[in-house]
Amino acid sequence: MTTEEASKLWGVHQDHVKRWCREGKVRCRKFGKTYILTKDQPKPGTVRSMAI
């Protein structure tokens, strides 16, 4: 997904998502000036519950 899609999904500004990409807090790849994120990841800072 794009940083725009991630920002809408996670409820944060697009620049915040780009910062997470630069800091390595989300899984993404950079193509030119565009970051592409994997869709199956949670918002950084949230804990995903694990089934035992």
PDB file of N, CA and C in Angstrom:
ATOM      1  N   MET A   1       0.852  -1.174   0.000  1.00  0.00           N
ATOM      2  CA  MET A   1       0.000   0.000   0.000  1.00  0.00           C
ATOM      3  C   MET A   1       0.895   1.233   0.000  1.00  0.00           C
ATOM      4  N   THR A   2       0.342   2.337  -0.385  1.00  0.00           N
ATOM      5  CA  THR A   2       1.096   3.590  -0.412  1.00  0.00           C
ATOM      6  C   THR A   2       1.083   4.237   0.969  1.00  0.00           C
ATOM      7  N   THR A   3       1.905   5.261   1.152  1.00  0.00           N
ATOM      8  CA  THR A   3       1.907   5.981   2.427  1.00  0.00           C
ATOM      9  C   THR A   3       0.573   6.689   2.637  1.00  0.00           C
ATOM     10  N   GLU A   4      -0.065   7.091   1.564  1.00  0.00           N
ATOM     11  CA  GLU A   4      -1.380   7.739   1.678  1.00  0.00           C
ATOM     12  C   GLU A   4      -2.418   6.749   2.199  1.00  0.00           C
ATOM     13  N   GLU A   5      -2.425   5.534   1.646  1.00  0.00           N
ATOM     14  CA  GLU A   5      -3.364   4.505   2.104  1.00  0.00           C
ATOM     15  C   GLU A   5      -3.095   4.131   3.565  1.00  0.00           C
ATOM     16  N   ALA A   6      -1.819   4.007   3.925  1.00  0.00           N
ATOM     17  CA  ALA A   6      -1.460   3.660   5.308  1.00  0.00           C
ATOM     18  C   ALA A   6      -1.879   4.763   6.270  1.00  0.00           C
ATOM     19  N   SER A   7      -1.720   6.016   5.871  1.00  0.00           N
ATOM     20  CA  SER A   7      -2.092   7.124   6.751  1.00  0.00           C
ATOM     21  C   SER A   7      -3.591   7.129   7.026  1.00  0.00           C
ATOM     22  N   LYS A   8      -4.390   6.815   6.017  1.00  0.00           N
ATOM     23  CA  LYS A   8      -5.841   6.746   6.213  1.00  0.00           C
ATOM     24  C   LYS A   8      -6.215   5.547   7.079  1.00  0.00           C
ATOM     25  N   LEU A   9      -5.564   4.411   6.854  1.00  0.00           N
ATOM     26  CA  LEU A   9      -5.848   3.195   7.608  1.00  0.00           C
ATOM     27  C   LEU A   9      -5.486   3.354   9.075  1.00  0.00           C
ATOM     28  N   TRP A  10      -4.336   3.967   9.351  1.00  0.00           N
ATOM     29  CA  TRP A  10      -3.835   4.090  10.711  1.00  0.00           C
ATOM     30  C   TRP A  10      -4.246   5.388  11.397  1.00  0.00           C
ATOM     31  N   GLY A  11      -4.841   6.326  10.674  1.00  0.00           N
ATOM     32  CA  GLY A  11      -5.313   7.569  11.282  1.00  0.00           C
ATOM     33  C   GLY A  11      -4.204   8.531  11.661  1.00  0.00           C
ATOM     34  N   VAL A  12      -3.137   8.555  10.869  1.00  0.00           N
ATOM     35  CA  VAL A  12      -2.026   9.483  11.108  1.00  0.00           C
ATOM     36  C   VAL A  12      -1.735  10.236   9.810  1.00  0.00           C
ATOM     37  N   HIS A  13      -0.918  11.278   9.898  1.00  0.00           N
ATOM     38  CA  HIS A  13      -0.568  12.064   8.721  1.00  0.00           C
ATOM     39  C   HIS A  13       0.400  11.271   7.841  1.00  0.00           C
ATOM     40  N   GLN A  14       0.331  11.496   6.553  1.00  0.00           N
ATOM     41  CA  GLN A  14       1.173  10.802   5.588  1.00  0.00           C
ATOM     42  C   GLN A  14       2.666  11.011   5.885  1.00  0.00           C
ATOM     43  N   ASP A  15       3.043  12.188   6.339  1.00  0.00           N
ATOM     44  CA  ASP A  15       4.442  12.456   6.674  1.00  0.00           C
ATOM     45  C   ASP A  15       4.912  11.587   7.847  1.00  0.00           C
ATOM     46  N   HIS A  16       4.003  11.274   8.744  1.00  0.00           N
ATOM     47  CA  HIS A  16       4.328  10.418   9.886  1.00  0.00           C
ATOM     48  C   HIS A  16       4.663   9.009   9.387  1.00  0.00           C
ATOM     49  N   VAL A  17       3.898   8.518   8.425  1.00  0.00           N
ATOM     50  CA  VAL A  17       4.151   7.194   7.848  1.00  0.00           C
ATOM     51  C   VAL A  17       5.506   7.190   7.141  1.00  0.00           C
ATOM     52  N   LYS A  18       5.814   8.251   6.416  1.00  0.00           N
ATOM     53  CA  LYS A  18       7.109   8.342   5.730  1.00  0.00           C
ATOM     54  C   LYS A  18       8.258   8.318   6.731  1.00  0.00           C
ATOM     55  N   ARG A  19       8.081   8.965   7.869  1.00  0.00           N
ATOM     56  CA  ARG A  19       9.113   8.961   8.914  1.00  0.00           C
ATOM     57  C   ARG A  19       9.317   7.549   9.437  1.00  0.00           C
ATOM     58  N   TRP A  20       8.208   6.821   9.678  1.00  0.00           N
ATOM     59  CA  TRP A  20       8.318   5.439  10.125  1.00  0.00           C
ATOM     60  C   TRP A  20       9.093   4.604   9.111  1.00  0.00           C
ATOM     61  N   CYS A  21       8.881   4.868   7.826  1.00  0.00           N
ATOM     62  CA  CYS A  21       9.617   4.150   6.778  1.00  0.00           C
ATOM     63  C   CYS A  21      11.114   4.447   6.881  1.00  0.00           C
ATOM     64  N   ARG A  22      11.455   5.712   7.004  1.00  0.00           N
ATOM     65  CA  ARG A  22      12.872   6.095   7.103  1.00  0.00           C
ATOM     66  C   ARG A  22      13.529   5.512   8.337  1.00  0.00           C
ATOM     67  N   GLU A  23      12.776   5.420   9.440  1.00  0.00           N
ATOM     68  CA  GLU A  23      13.316   4.921  10.702  1.00  0.00           C
ATOM     69  C   GLU A  23      13.287   3.393  10.796  1.00  0.00           C
ATOM     70  N   GLY A  24      12.691   2.725   9.810  1.00  0.00           N
ATOM     71  CA  GLY A  24      12.633   1.268   9.807  1.00  0.00           C
ATOM     72  C   GLY A  24      11.591   0.684  10.737  1.00  0.00           C
ATOM     73  N   LYS A  25      10.600   1.464  11.127  1.00  0.00           N
ATOM     74  CA  LYS A  25       9.567   0.994  12.045  1.00  0.00           C
ATOM     75  C   LYS A  25       8.438   0.247  11.333  1.00  0.00           C
ATOM     76  N   VAL A  26       8.391   0.329  10.007  1.00  0.00           N
ATOM     77  CA  VAL A  26       7.407  -0.409   9.209  1.00  0.00           C
ATOM     78  C   VAL A  26       8.151  -1.123   8.081  1.00  0.00           C
ATOM     79  N   ARG A  27       7.543  -2.198   7.596  1.00  0.00           N
ATOM     80  CA  ARG A  27       8.138  -2.919   6.472  1.00  0.00           C
ATOM     81  C   ARG A  27       7.741  -2.221   5.182  1.00  0.00           C
ATOM     82  N   CYS A  28       8.733  -1.747   4.458  1.00  0.00           N
ATOM     83  CA  CYS A  28       8.443  -1.042   3.217  1.00  0.00           C
ATOM     84  C   CYS A  28       9.654  -1.104   2.290  1.00  0.00           C
ATOM     85  N   ARG A  29       9.434  -0.700   1.059  1.00  0.00           N
ATOM     86  CA  ARG A  29      10.492  -0.563   0.064  1.00  0.00           C
ATOM     87  C   ARG A  29      10.343   0.794  -0.576  1.00  0.00           C
ATOM     88  N   LYS A  30      11.454   1.339  -1.020  1.00  0.00           N
ATOM     89  CA  LYS A  30      11.424   2.639  -1.656  1.00  0.00           C
ATOM     90  C   LYS A  30      11.716   2.474  -3.139  1.00  0.00           C
ATOM     91  N   PHE A  31      10.839   3.008  -3.965  1.00  0.00           N
ATOM     92  CA  PHE A  31      10.992   3.005  -5.412  1.00  0.00           C
ATOM     93  C   PHE A  31      11.052   4.453  -5.856  1.00  0.00           C
ATOM     94  N   GLY A  32      12.250   4.936  -6.163  1.00  0.00           N
ATOM     95  CA  GLY A  32      12.415   6.352  -6.471  1.00  0.00           C
ATOM     96  C   GLY A  32      12.164   7.157  -5.219  1.00  0.00           C
ATOM     97  N   LYS A  33      11.142   7.997  -5.238  1.00  0.00           N
ATOM     98  CA  LYS A  33      10.777   8.798  -4.067  1.00  0.00           C
ATOM     99  C   LYS A  33       9.559   8.243  -3.343  1.00  0.00           C
ATOM    100  N   THR A  34       9.066   7.084  -3.792  1.00  0.00           N
ATOM    101  CA  THR A  34       7.820   6.527  -3.274  1.00  0.00           C
ATOM    102  C   THR A  34       8.074   5.324  -2.381  1.00  0.00           C
ATOM    103  N   TYR A  35       7.460   5.326  -1.192  1.00  0.00           N
ATOM    104  CA  TYR A  35       7.520   4.178  -0.301  1.00  0.00           C
ATOM    105  C   TYR A  35       6.294   3.304  -0.544  1.00  0.00           C
ATOM    106  N   ILE A  36       6.511   1.991  -0.595  1.00  0.00           N
ATOM    107  CA  ILE A  36       5.430   1.025  -0.708  1.00  0.00           C
ATOM    108  C   ILE A  36       5.516   0.120   0.510  1.00  0.00           C
ATOM    109  N   LEU A  37       4.428   0.030   1.264  1.00  0.00           N
ATOM    110  CA  LEU A  37       4.390  -0.737   2.501  1.00  0.00           C
ATOM    111  C   LEU A  37       3.646  -2.047   2.300  1.00  0.00           C
ATOM    112  N   THR A  38       4.014  -3.065   3.095  1.00  0.00           N
ATOM    113  CA  THR A  38       3.259  -4.308   3.059  1.00  0.00           C
ATOM    114  C   THR A  38       1.929  -4.087   3.781  1.00  0.00           C
ATOM    115  N   LYS A  39       0.882  -4.738   3.297  1.00  0.00           N
ATOM    116  CA  LYS A  39      -0.465  -4.480   3.806  1.00  0.00           C
ATOM    117  C   LYS A  39      -0.785  -5.201   5.110  1.00  0.00           C
ATOM    118  N   ASP A  40      -0.077  -6.268   5.423  1.00  0.00           N
ATOM    119  CA  ASP A  40      -0.460  -7.105   6.561  1.00  0.00           C
ATOM    120  C   ASP A  40       0.211  -6.719   7.878  1.00  0.00           C
ATOM    121  N   GLN A  41       0.639  -5.499   8.028  1.00  0.00           N
ATOM    122  CA  GLN A  41       1.311  -5.103   9.258  1.00  0.00           C
ATOM    123  C   GLN A  41       0.444  -4.161  10.090  1.00  0.00           C
ATOM    124  N   PRO A  42       0.581  -4.243  11.409  1.00  0.00           N
ATOM    125  CA  PRO A  42      -0.192  -3.349  12.274  1.00  0.00           C
ATOM    126  C   PRO A  42       0.455  -1.966  12.343  1.00  0.00           C
ATOM    127  N   LYS A  43      -0.279  -1.032  12.857  1.00  0.00           N
ATOM    128  CA  LYS A  43       0.246   0.327  13.064  1.00  0.00           C
ATOM    129  C   LYS A  43       1.398   0.248  14.069  1.00  0.00           C
ATOM    130  N   PRO A  44       2.519   0.894  13.782  1.00  0.00           N
ATOM    131  CA  PRO A  44       3.632   0.868  14.731  1.00  0.00           C
ATOM    132  C   PRO A  44       3.208   1.404  16.097  1.00  0.00           C
ATOM    133  N   GLY A  45       3.711   0.744  17.134  1.00  0.00           N
ATOM    134  CA  GLY A  45       3.369   1.160  18.489  1.00  0.00           C
ATOM    135  C   GLY A  45       2.180   0.409  19.066  1.00  0.00           C
ATOM    136  N   THR A  46       1.468  -0.335  18.247  1.00  0.00           N
ATOM    137  CA  THR A  46       0.362  -1.124  18.766  1.00  0.00           C
ATOM    138  C   THR A  46       0.825  -2.559  18.953  1.00  0.00           C
ATOM    139  N   VAL A  47       0.262  -3.226  19.927  1.00  0.00           N
ATOM    140  CA  VAL A  47       0.636  -4.603  20.200  1.00  0.00           C
ATOM    141  C   VAL A  47      -0.442  -5.498  19.633  1.00  0.00           C
ATOM    142  N   ARG A  48      -0.042  -6.421  18.789  1.00  0.00           N
ATOM    143  CA  ARG A  48      -0.979  -7.376  18.199  1.00  0.00           C
ATOM    144  C   ARG A  48      -1.107  -8.531  19.187  1.00  0.00           C
ATOM    145  N   SER A  49      -2.341  -8.861  19.565  1.00  0.00           N
ATOM    146  CA  SER A  49      -2.542  -9.947  20.513  1.00  0.00           C
ATOM    147  C   SER A  49      -2.182 -11.283  19.856  1.00  0.00           C
ATOM    148  N   MET A  50      -1.631 -12.166  20.652  1.00  0.00           N
ATOM    149  CA  MET A  50      -1.212 -13.470  20.141  1.00  0.00           C
ATOM    150  C   MET A  50      -2.059 -14.560  20.765  1.00  0.00           C
ATOM    151  N   ALA A  51      -2.509 -15.479  19.949  1.00  0.00           N
ATOM    152  CA  ALA A  51      -3.275 -16.615  20.450  1.00  0.00           C
ATOM    153  C   ALA A  51      -2.307 -17.656  20.987  1.00  0.00           C
ATOM    154  N   ILE A  52      -2.660 -18.215  22.121  1.00  0.00           N
ATOM    155  CA  ILE A  52      -1.791 -19.238  22.733  1.00  0.00           C
ATOM    156  C   ILE A  52      -2.427 -20.598  22.568  1.00  0.00           C
TER     157      ILE A  52
END
